[in-house]
Amino acid sequence: MKEEKKKRGLGEVKGEGLEQNSKEELGEKLRSSASSKAKESSEEEPKEQKEKILPDPSIEKMDRQEAMEYFGLPAWASKEDLDDKFWKLGKTYTAQKDEQKLADISLAYSIASGERDRKAEEKKEEAEAKHYLGKTKKQWKDFFHYEGWKFIVAIAVIIGGWAFINYYFLAPRVDVRMASIGHFSQDVTIMEYYLKDNLGCKNPEVRDADVVSGNSEDEEVDEYGVQKATNLMAVHPDILVFDMPTVPVYVNSGDLYILDDVYENMKATWSKEDLARIEPYYYSKARFYEEFLDDMPETYQDAMEPLKEEDYVEHIYGFIIRDKIDQASLGYKLLWKNPGIERIIIFGVGAGSSDINKAIERMTKILEDIDVLRAEYLEDHPYAESED
């Protein structure tokens, strides 16, 4: 008889194995059986509300040792033993559809496994812990662990929104952009102060890029110089300053405004002393082809447009400043080591300026005030002329 029961029990276990239910899964099913049974009953008879099955009140009063004894286990039994016993009883009561016993063993299991005491301890700690804005430190930690990304997104949106509002509505707009591109260093503060104090600019943007055009042998090259220059030109500066090797590239690309009429006006209105400080810089597209086309890669040469009649006419694209102290008074120091490079700087107007007339007015005023800037520079550098 016993052998028959063993075989039957083994068959039952094998049958359950085919259904691929683990002990843990069954335990979860048992703990939620009361609610699931009630749901099934409500689906079959939606009009009848079945009362929730409550466990025996005497089980609630048990401690862990008594709960282990309820399962017929000693106090030192392992959790695996407890899980095994709970699983077997659960199978039995599920088969018998004894919801009361299922509720009882679920409560007893929570006591024997320590789950009830753990939850009670957590509630006690939570009640005794300090609360910040209605939550404990642990609750805030859990909250940010699962919901923190929402705060990061919100903060990013706030910062982005503030930057947008500040740039377009609050911060003073850039009223003049001055870009200097060539193999020189520039003290941008000189031009910034001049534009503010003498031309009434509230927010001038004065930036430079150290670019070595042509033969860079023995020269200290800024590896980011070309990238900086590209960024400067992308915002369409009003005033442009170049050295001699760099300026032809920008004339050919159409970045400099033709200043023929401006020079005629200078000759009519300026003093001889002021005119003597500058020279017109003449250039043409044909001259660029003559000087640089043979040194270009063939693919670039093939892409060059054929010259037209007007491309041979030279125009004024800027004004040359040769004097070293005049250059320094404007904030520039040429860095060329090659003695064959002509040490000059050239002021011009950006063809992409949003206000060409204003840009011309400001550039000409800078050039006209070189004598004033030179005097201020010599006050701070009294030996500059003797060193020159």
Protein backbone atom coordinates (compact mmCIF):
# COMPACT_ATOMS: atom_id res chain seq x y z
CA MET A 1 0.00 0.00 0.00
CA LYS A 2 2.80 2.39 0.92
CA GLU A 3 4.65 1.49 -2.28
CA GLU A 4 1.52 2.30 -4.28
CA LYS A 5 1.25 5.71 -2.60
CA LYS A 6 4.90 6.42 -3.34
CA LYS A 7 4.44 5.58 -7.00
CA ARG A 8 1.33 7.67 -7.18
CA GLY A 9 3.10 10.61 -5.53
CA LEU A 10 6.03 10.31 -7.92
CA GLY A 11 3.61 10.32 -10.85
CA GLU A 12 2.00 13.46 -9.55
CA VAL A 13 5.39 15.18 -9.26
CA LYS A 14 6.34 14.14 -12.79
CA GLY A 15 3.00 15.38 -14.06
CA GLU A 16 3.55 18.72 -12.45
CA GLY A 17 7.04 18.83 -13.93
CA LEU A 18 5.58 18.61 -17.39
CA GLU A 19 3.63 21.77 -16.63
CA GLN A 20 6.98 23.53 -15.91
CA ASN A 21 5.88 25.05 -12.58
CA SER A 22 8.68 25.77 -10.11
CA LYS A 23 8.18 25.81 -6.38
CA GLU A 24 8.63 29.55 -6.33
CA GLU A 25 6.02 30.07 -9.02
CA LEU A 26 3.56 27.87 -7.16
CA GLY A 27 4.25 29.73 -3.93
CA GLU A 28 3.44 32.99 -5.64
CA LYS A 29 0.28 31.45 -7.01
CA LEU A 30 -0.73 30.24 -3.56
CA ARG A 31 -0.17 33.63 -1.95
CA SER A 32 -2.41 35.24 -4.52
CA SER A 33 -4.89 32.36 -4.78
CA ALA A 34 -7.54 33.99 -2.64
CA SER A 35 -7.69 37.07 -4.86
CA SER A 36 -7.50 35.05 -8.10
CA LYS A 37 -10.27 32.71 -6.97
CA ALA A 38 -12.40 35.67 -6.07
CA LYS A 39 -11.74 37.15 -9.53
CA GLU A 40 -12.73 33.91 -11.27
CA SER A 41 -15.88 33.72 -9.21
CA SER A 42 -16.75 37.32 -10.06
CA GLU A 43 -16.28 36.60 -13.76
CA GLU A 44 -18.62 33.61 -13.57
CA GLU A 45 -21.15 35.37 -11.37
CA PRO A 46 -20.57 39.13 -11.77
CA LYS A 47 -23.53 40.06 -9.63
CA GLU A 48 -22.29 38.14 -6.54
CA GLN A 49 -19.56 39.77 -4.44
CA LYS A 50 -17.60 37.04 -2.62
CA GLU A 51 -16.13 37.95 0.78
CA LYS A 52 -12.36 38.02 1.09
CA ILE A 53 -11.00 34.93 2.87
CA LEU A 54 -9.08 35.99 5.97
CA PRO A 55 -6.52 33.72 7.68
CA ASP A 56 -7.17 32.26 11.12
CA PRO A 57 -6.55 35.05 13.72
CA SER A 58 -4.59 32.61 15.89
CA ILE A 59 -1.91 32.36 13.20
CA GLU A 60 -1.39 36.12 13.32
CA LYS A 61 -0.28 35.76 16.97
CA MET A 62 2.40 33.16 16.16
CA ASP A 63 6.12 33.84 16.33
CA ARG A 64 8.60 32.30 13.92
CA GLN A 65 9.16 29.12 15.93
CA GLU A 66 5.42 28.50 16.24
CA ALA A 67 4.98 29.10 12.53
CA MET A 68 7.70 26.54 11.79
CA GLU A 69 5.94 24.06 14.06
CA TYR A 70 2.71 24.79 12.17
CA PHE A 71 4.43 23.35 9.11
CA GLY A 72 5.76 20.41 11.17
CA LEU A 73 9.34 21.69 10.96
CA PRO A 74 11.94 22.31 13.69
CA ALA A 75 13.07 25.89 14.36
CA TRP A 76 16.48 25.19 12.75
CA ALA A 77 15.01 23.97 9.46
CA SER A 78 16.38 25.66 6.31
CA LYS A 79 14.43 27.93 4.02
CA GLU A 80 14.57 25.20 1.38
CA ASP A 81 12.78 22.85 3.78
CA LEU A 82 10.17 25.52 4.48
CA ASP A 83 9.65 26.24 0.78
CA ASP A 84 9.29 22.50 0.07
CA LYS A 85 6.69 22.05 2.81
CA PHE A 86 4.76 25.13 1.74
CA TRP A 87 4.79 23.95 -1.87
CA LYS A 88 3.43 20.49 -1.00
CA LEU A 89 0.67 21.83 1.24
CA GLY A 90 -0.22 24.37 -1.38
CA LYS A 91 -0.65 21.64 -3.97
CA THR A 92 -2.88 19.71 -1.63
CA TYR A 93 -5.16 22.62 -0.68
CA THR A 94 -5.30 23.88 -4.25
CA ALA A 95 -6.50 20.46 -5.37
CA GLN A 96 -9.09 20.48 -2.57
CA LYS A 97 -10.08 24.09 -3.36
CA ASP A 98 -9.71 24.89 0.34
CA GLU A 99 -9.29 28.64 0.23
CA GLN A 100 -9.28 29.00 4.01
CA LYS A 101 -6.27 26.69 4.37
CA LEU A 102 -4.50 28.48 1.50
CA ALA A 103 -4.93 31.81 3.31
CA ASP A 104 -3.70 30.22 6.57
CA ILE A 105 -0.51 28.71 5.14
CA SER A 106 0.29 31.92 3.23
CA LEU A 107 0.25 33.92 6.49
CA ALA A 108 2.15 31.20 8.35
CA TYR A 109 4.77 31.14 5.61
CA SER A 110 5.30 34.93 5.82
CA ILE A 111 5.88 34.54 9.58
CA ALA A 112 8.16 31.49 9.32
CA SER A 113 10.24 33.04 6.52
CA GLY A 114 10.64 36.29 8.42
CA GLU A 115 8.87 38.32 5.76
CA ARG A 116 6.23 39.64 8.15
CA ASP A 117 8.81 40.80 10.71
CA ARG A 118 10.93 42.41 7.99
CA LYS A 119 7.98 44.42 6.69
CA ALA A 120 7.01 45.43 10.23
CA GLU A 121 10.58 46.57 10.91
CA GLU A 122 10.63 48.60 7.70
CA LYS A 123 7.38 50.31 8.66
CA LYS A 124 8.77 51.07 12.12
CA GLU A 125 11.98 52.54 10.69
CA GLU A 126 9.98 54.53 8.20
CA ALA A 127 7.76 55.95 10.94
CA GLU A 128 10.74 56.87 13.14
CA ALA A 129 12.95 58.21 10.31
CA LYS A 130 13.17 61.89 9.48
CA HIS A 131 10.97 62.98 6.64
CA TYR A 132 12.00 65.47 4.01
CA LEU A 133 9.11 66.89 2.01
CA GLY A 134 6.96 63.95 3.07
CA LYS A 135 9.48 61.18 2.30
CA THR A 136 12.27 59.42 4.19
CA LYS A 137 15.83 59.36 2.90
CA LYS A 138 15.38 55.77 1.71
CA GLN A 139 12.13 56.63 -0.04
CA TRP A 140 13.81 59.54 -1.81
CA LYS A 141 16.69 57.23 -2.80
CA ASP A 142 14.26 54.71 -4.27
CA PHE A 143 12.29 57.49 -5.91
CA PHE A 144 15.32 58.95 -7.68
CA HIS A 145 16.53 55.47 -8.62
CA TYR A 146 13.38 54.83 -10.61
CA GLU A 147 12.20 58.37 -11.43
CA GLY A 148 15.49 60.28 -11.52
CA TRP A 149 15.68 60.36 -15.31
CA LYS A 150 12.55 62.51 -15.35
CA PHE A 151 14.31 65.11 -13.19
CA ILE A 152 17.39 65.03 -15.43
CA VAL A 153 15.21 65.64 -18.48
CA ALA A 154 13.31 68.39 -16.66
CA ILE A 155 16.54 70.11 -15.58
CA ALA A 156 17.94 69.87 -19.12
CA VAL A 157 14.74 71.42 -20.49
CA ILE A 158 14.88 74.23 -17.91
CA ILE A 159 18.55 74.98 -18.63
CA GLY A 160 17.94 74.87 -22.39
CA GLY A 161 14.89 77.09 -22.05
CA TRP A 162 16.77 79.58 -19.90
CA ALA A 163 19.68 79.66 -22.36
CA PHE A 164 17.24 80.31 -25.21
CA ILE A 165 15.44 83.10 -23.34
CA ASN A 166 18.71 84.62 -22.18
CA TYR A 167 20.27 84.56 -25.66
CA TYR A 168 17.28 85.88 -27.59
CA PHE A 169 15.56 88.14 -25.05
CA LEU A 170 17.79 89.08 -22.09
CA ALA A 171 21.47 89.09 -23.08
CA PRO A 172 22.63 92.06 -25.16
CA ARG A 173 22.93 91.08 -28.81
CA VAL A 174 26.33 91.14 -30.47
CA ASP A 175 26.41 94.49 -32.22
CA VAL A 176 29.71 94.02 -34.09
CA ARG A 177 31.79 90.97 -34.95
CA MET A 178 35.49 91.32 -35.64
CA ALA A 179 37.45 88.27 -36.84
CA SER A 180 41.23 88.13 -37.28
CA ILE A 181 42.72 85.23 -39.25
CA GLY A 182 46.45 84.83 -39.87
CA HIS A 183 49.73 83.82 -38.29
CA PHE A 184 49.66 86.40 -35.52
CA SER A 185 48.60 86.75 -31.92
CA GLN A 186 46.00 89.31 -30.93
CA ASP A 187 45.24 91.02 -27.65
CA VAL A 188 41.48 91.12 -28.22
CA THR A 189 40.88 93.35 -25.18
CA ILE A 190 42.38 96.35 -27.02
CA MET A 191 39.76 96.23 -29.76
CA GLU A 192 36.99 95.32 -27.30
CA TYR A 193 37.69 98.41 -25.18
CA TYR A 194 38.06 100.62 -28.24
CA LEU A 195 34.76 99.47 -29.78
CA LYS A 196 32.94 100.05 -26.48
CA ASP A 197 34.55 103.34 -25.48
CA ASN A 198 34.86 105.03 -28.89
CA LEU A 199 32.20 103.49 -31.12
CA GLY A 200 29.46 102.92 -28.54
CA CYS A 201 29.26 99.15 -29.06
CA LYS A 202 27.60 97.44 -26.10
CA ASN A 203 28.55 93.84 -26.84
CA PRO A 204 31.39 93.53 -29.38
CA GLU A 205 32.68 90.08 -30.30
CA VAL A 206 36.41 90.12 -31.08
CA ARG A 207 37.97 86.75 -31.88
CA ASP A 208 41.05 85.44 -33.67
CA ALA A 209 42.43 82.27 -35.27
CA ASP A 210 46.14 81.52 -35.72
CA VAL A 211 46.35 80.13 -39.26
CA VAL A 212 49.54 79.47 -41.22
CA SER A 213 48.87 79.81 -44.95
CA GLY A 214 51.42 78.56 -47.47
CA ASN A 215 54.77 77.20 -46.33
CA SER A 216 54.51 76.23 -42.67
CA GLU A 217 58.10 74.99 -42.33
CA ASP A 218 59.71 76.16 -39.05
CA GLU A 219 56.43 77.80 -38.02
CA GLU A 220 54.49 76.95 -34.86
CA VAL A 221 51.11 75.79 -36.11
CA ASP A 222 47.88 75.80 -34.12
CA GLU A 223 46.32 72.44 -35.02
CA TYR A 224 42.83 73.89 -34.46
CA GLY A 225 43.53 77.15 -36.30
CA VAL A 226 41.73 76.26 -39.53
CA GLN A 227 38.70 74.97 -37.62
CA LYS A 228 38.57 78.18 -35.58
CA ALA A 229 38.79 80.25 -38.76
CA THR A 230 35.92 78.29 -40.31
CA ASN A 231 33.80 78.92 -37.22
CA LEU A 232 34.61 82.64 -37.29
CA MET A 233 33.57 82.98 -40.92
CA ALA A 234 30.38 80.98 -40.37
CA VAL A 235 28.84 83.85 -38.35
CA HIS A 236 29.54 86.43 -41.10
CA PRO A 237 31.83 88.90 -39.29
CA ASP A 238 31.60 92.64 -39.96
CA ILE A 239 35.30 93.50 -39.79
CA LEU A 240 38.04 91.17 -41.02
CA VAL A 241 41.79 91.28 -40.42
CA PHE A 242 44.36 89.10 -42.24
CA ASP A 243 48.07 88.74 -42.76
CA MET A 244 49.53 88.81 -46.30
CA PRO A 245 49.71 85.02 -46.98
CA THR A 246 46.11 84.46 -45.81
CA VAL A 247 44.13 87.28 -47.43
CA PRO A 248 44.18 86.06 -51.10
CA VAL A 249 42.21 82.90 -50.20
CA TYR A 250 39.39 84.96 -48.70
CA VAL A 251 39.38 87.46 -51.56
CA ASN A 252 39.00 84.61 -54.05
CA SER A 253 36.17 83.01 -52.04
CA GLY A 254 34.21 86.29 -52.02
CA ASP A 255 34.41 86.91 -48.27
CA LEU A 256 35.75 90.48 -48.56
CA TYR A 257 33.74 93.50 -49.67
CA ILE A 258 35.10 95.74 -52.45
CA LEU A 259 36.20 99.07 -50.95
CA ASP A 260 37.04 101.18 -54.03
CA ASP A 261 34.46 103.88 -53.19
CA VAL A 262 35.47 103.86 -49.51
CA TYR A 263 39.06 104.69 -50.40
CA GLU A 264 37.94 107.55 -52.64
CA ASN A 265 35.98 108.96 -49.71
CA MET A 266 39.00 108.58 -47.43
CA LYS A 267 41.19 110.55 -49.83
CA ALA A 268 38.60 113.30 -49.88
CA THR A 269 38.04 113.59 -46.13
CA TRP A 270 41.10 112.31 -44.27
CA SER A 271 44.25 114.22 -43.37
CA LYS A 272 47.50 113.37 -45.14
CA GLU A 273 48.94 112.03 -41.89
CA ASP A 274 46.08 109.55 -41.44
CA LEU A 275 46.23 108.46 -45.09
CA ALA A 276 49.98 107.89 -44.77
CA ARG A 277 49.37 105.19 -42.16
CA ILE A 278 47.48 102.93 -44.55
CA GLU A 279 47.79 101.56 -48.09
CA PRO A 280 45.00 100.17 -50.26
CA TYR A 281 45.25 96.42 -50.89
CA TYR A 282 44.52 95.65 -54.54
CA TYR A 283 43.75 92.18 -55.76
CA SER A 284 41.88 90.24 -58.47
CA LYS A 285 40.71 86.74 -59.22
CA ALA A 286 43.10 86.50 -62.16
CA ARG A 287 46.00 87.33 -59.87
CA PHE A 288 44.93 84.58 -57.49
CA TYR A 289 44.95 82.06 -60.36
CA GLU A 290 48.39 83.23 -61.40
CA GLU A 291 49.88 82.93 -57.91
CA PHE A 292 48.24 79.76 -56.60
CA LEU A 293 46.64 77.66 -59.34
CA ASP A 294 49.79 75.71 -60.28
CA ASP A 295 50.33 74.67 -56.65
CA MET A 296 46.81 73.31 -56.22
CA PRO A 297 45.84 69.63 -56.61
CA GLU A 298 44.57 68.70 -60.07
CA THR A 299 41.09 67.93 -58.77
CA TYR A 300 40.88 71.46 -57.37
CA GLN A 301 42.24 72.97 -60.58
CA ASP A 302 39.59 71.17 -62.63
CA ALA A 303 36.87 72.61 -60.41
CA MET A 304 38.04 76.21 -60.86
CA GLU A 305 35.76 78.39 -63.00
CA PRO A 306 37.19 79.89 -66.21
CA LEU A 307 38.23 83.50 -65.85
CA LYS A 308 35.96 86.23 -67.16
CA GLU A 309 36.94 89.69 -68.37
CA GLU A 310 35.95 91.34 -65.09
CA ASP A 311 38.14 88.89 -63.15
CA TYR A 312 41.23 90.70 -64.44
CA VAL A 313 40.18 94.02 -62.88
CA GLU A 314 41.89 94.68 -59.54
CA HIS A 315 39.82 96.11 -56.68
CA ILE A 316 40.56 97.34 -53.20
CA TYR A 317 39.66 94.64 -50.67
CA GLY A 318 41.30 96.10 -47.60
CA PHE A 319 43.86 98.49 -46.15
CA ILE A 320 47.43 97.58 -45.28
CA ILE A 321 49.09 98.56 -42.01
CA ARG A 322 52.88 98.18 -42.20
CA ASP A 323 54.19 99.96 -39.12
CA LYS A 324 54.99 97.48 -36.34
CA ILE A 325 53.97 99.85 -33.53
CA ASP A 326 50.71 100.70 -35.31
CA GLN A 327 50.04 96.96 -35.53
CA ALA A 328 50.85 96.52 -31.84
CA SER A 329 48.62 99.47 -30.86
CA LEU A 330 45.73 97.58 -32.50
CA GLY A 331 46.65 94.43 -30.53
CA TYR A 332 48.53 92.43 -33.21
CA LYS A 333 51.90 90.71 -33.16
CA LEU A 334 52.97 88.78 -36.27
CA LEU A 335 54.48 85.35 -35.56
CA TRP A 336 56.16 84.54 -38.89
CA LYS A 337 59.73 83.25 -38.65
CA ASN A 338 60.20 83.08 -42.41
CA PRO A 339 62.02 86.31 -43.38
CA GLY A 340 60.48 86.16 -46.85
CA ILE A 341 56.96 86.82 -45.52
CA GLU A 342 55.87 90.46 -45.72
CA ARG A 343 54.98 91.53 -42.17
CA ILE A 344 51.77 93.43 -42.67
CA ILE A 345 48.16 93.19 -41.54
CA ILE A 346 45.14 94.04 -43.71
CA PHE A 347 41.83 95.42 -42.46
CA GLY A 348 38.71 94.77 -44.53
CA VAL A 349 34.92 94.45 -44.36
CA GLY A 350 33.10 91.12 -44.45
CA ALA A 351 30.94 90.71 -47.55
CA GLY A 352 28.46 88.73 -45.43
CA SER A 353 27.98 91.47 -42.82
CA SER A 354 24.35 92.10 -41.92
CA ASP A 355 25.00 95.86 -42.12
CA ILE A 356 27.70 96.69 -44.67
CA ASN A 357 27.46 100.46 -44.20
CA LYS A 358 27.82 100.19 -40.43
CA ALA A 359 30.74 97.79 -40.82
CA ILE A 360 32.50 100.21 -43.21
CA GLU A 361 31.90 103.10 -40.84
CA ARG A 362 33.42 101.20 -37.90
CA MET A 363 36.42 99.88 -39.86
CA THR A 364 37.30 103.33 -41.24
CA LYS A 365 36.98 104.86 -37.78
CA ILE A 366 39.43 102.30 -36.36
CA LEU A 367 41.94 103.09 -39.10
CA GLU A 368 41.47 106.84 -38.69
CA ASP A 369 42.14 106.56 -34.94
CA ILE A 370 45.40 104.61 -35.26
CA ASP A 371 47.34 107.71 -34.19
CA VAL A 372 45.26 107.89 -30.97
CA LEU A 373 45.73 104.21 -30.26
CA ARG A 374 49.45 104.51 -31.00
CA ALA A 375 49.84 107.35 -28.48
CA GLU A 376 48.08 105.30 -25.80
CA TYR A 377 50.26 102.31 -26.59
CA LEU A 378 53.48 104.33 -26.30
CA GLU A 379 52.40 105.65 -22.92
CA ASP A 380 52.32 102.07 -21.68
CA HIS A 381 55.39 101.00 -23.71
CA PRO A 382 57.71 104.07 -23.75
CA TYR A 383 60.67 102.15 -25.22
CA ALA A 384 58.72 100.55 -28.09
CA GLU A 385 59.97 103.02 -30.74
CA SER A 386 63.63 102.58 -29.77
CA GLU A 387 63.23 98.77 -29.78
CA ASP A 388 61.61 98.96 -33.22
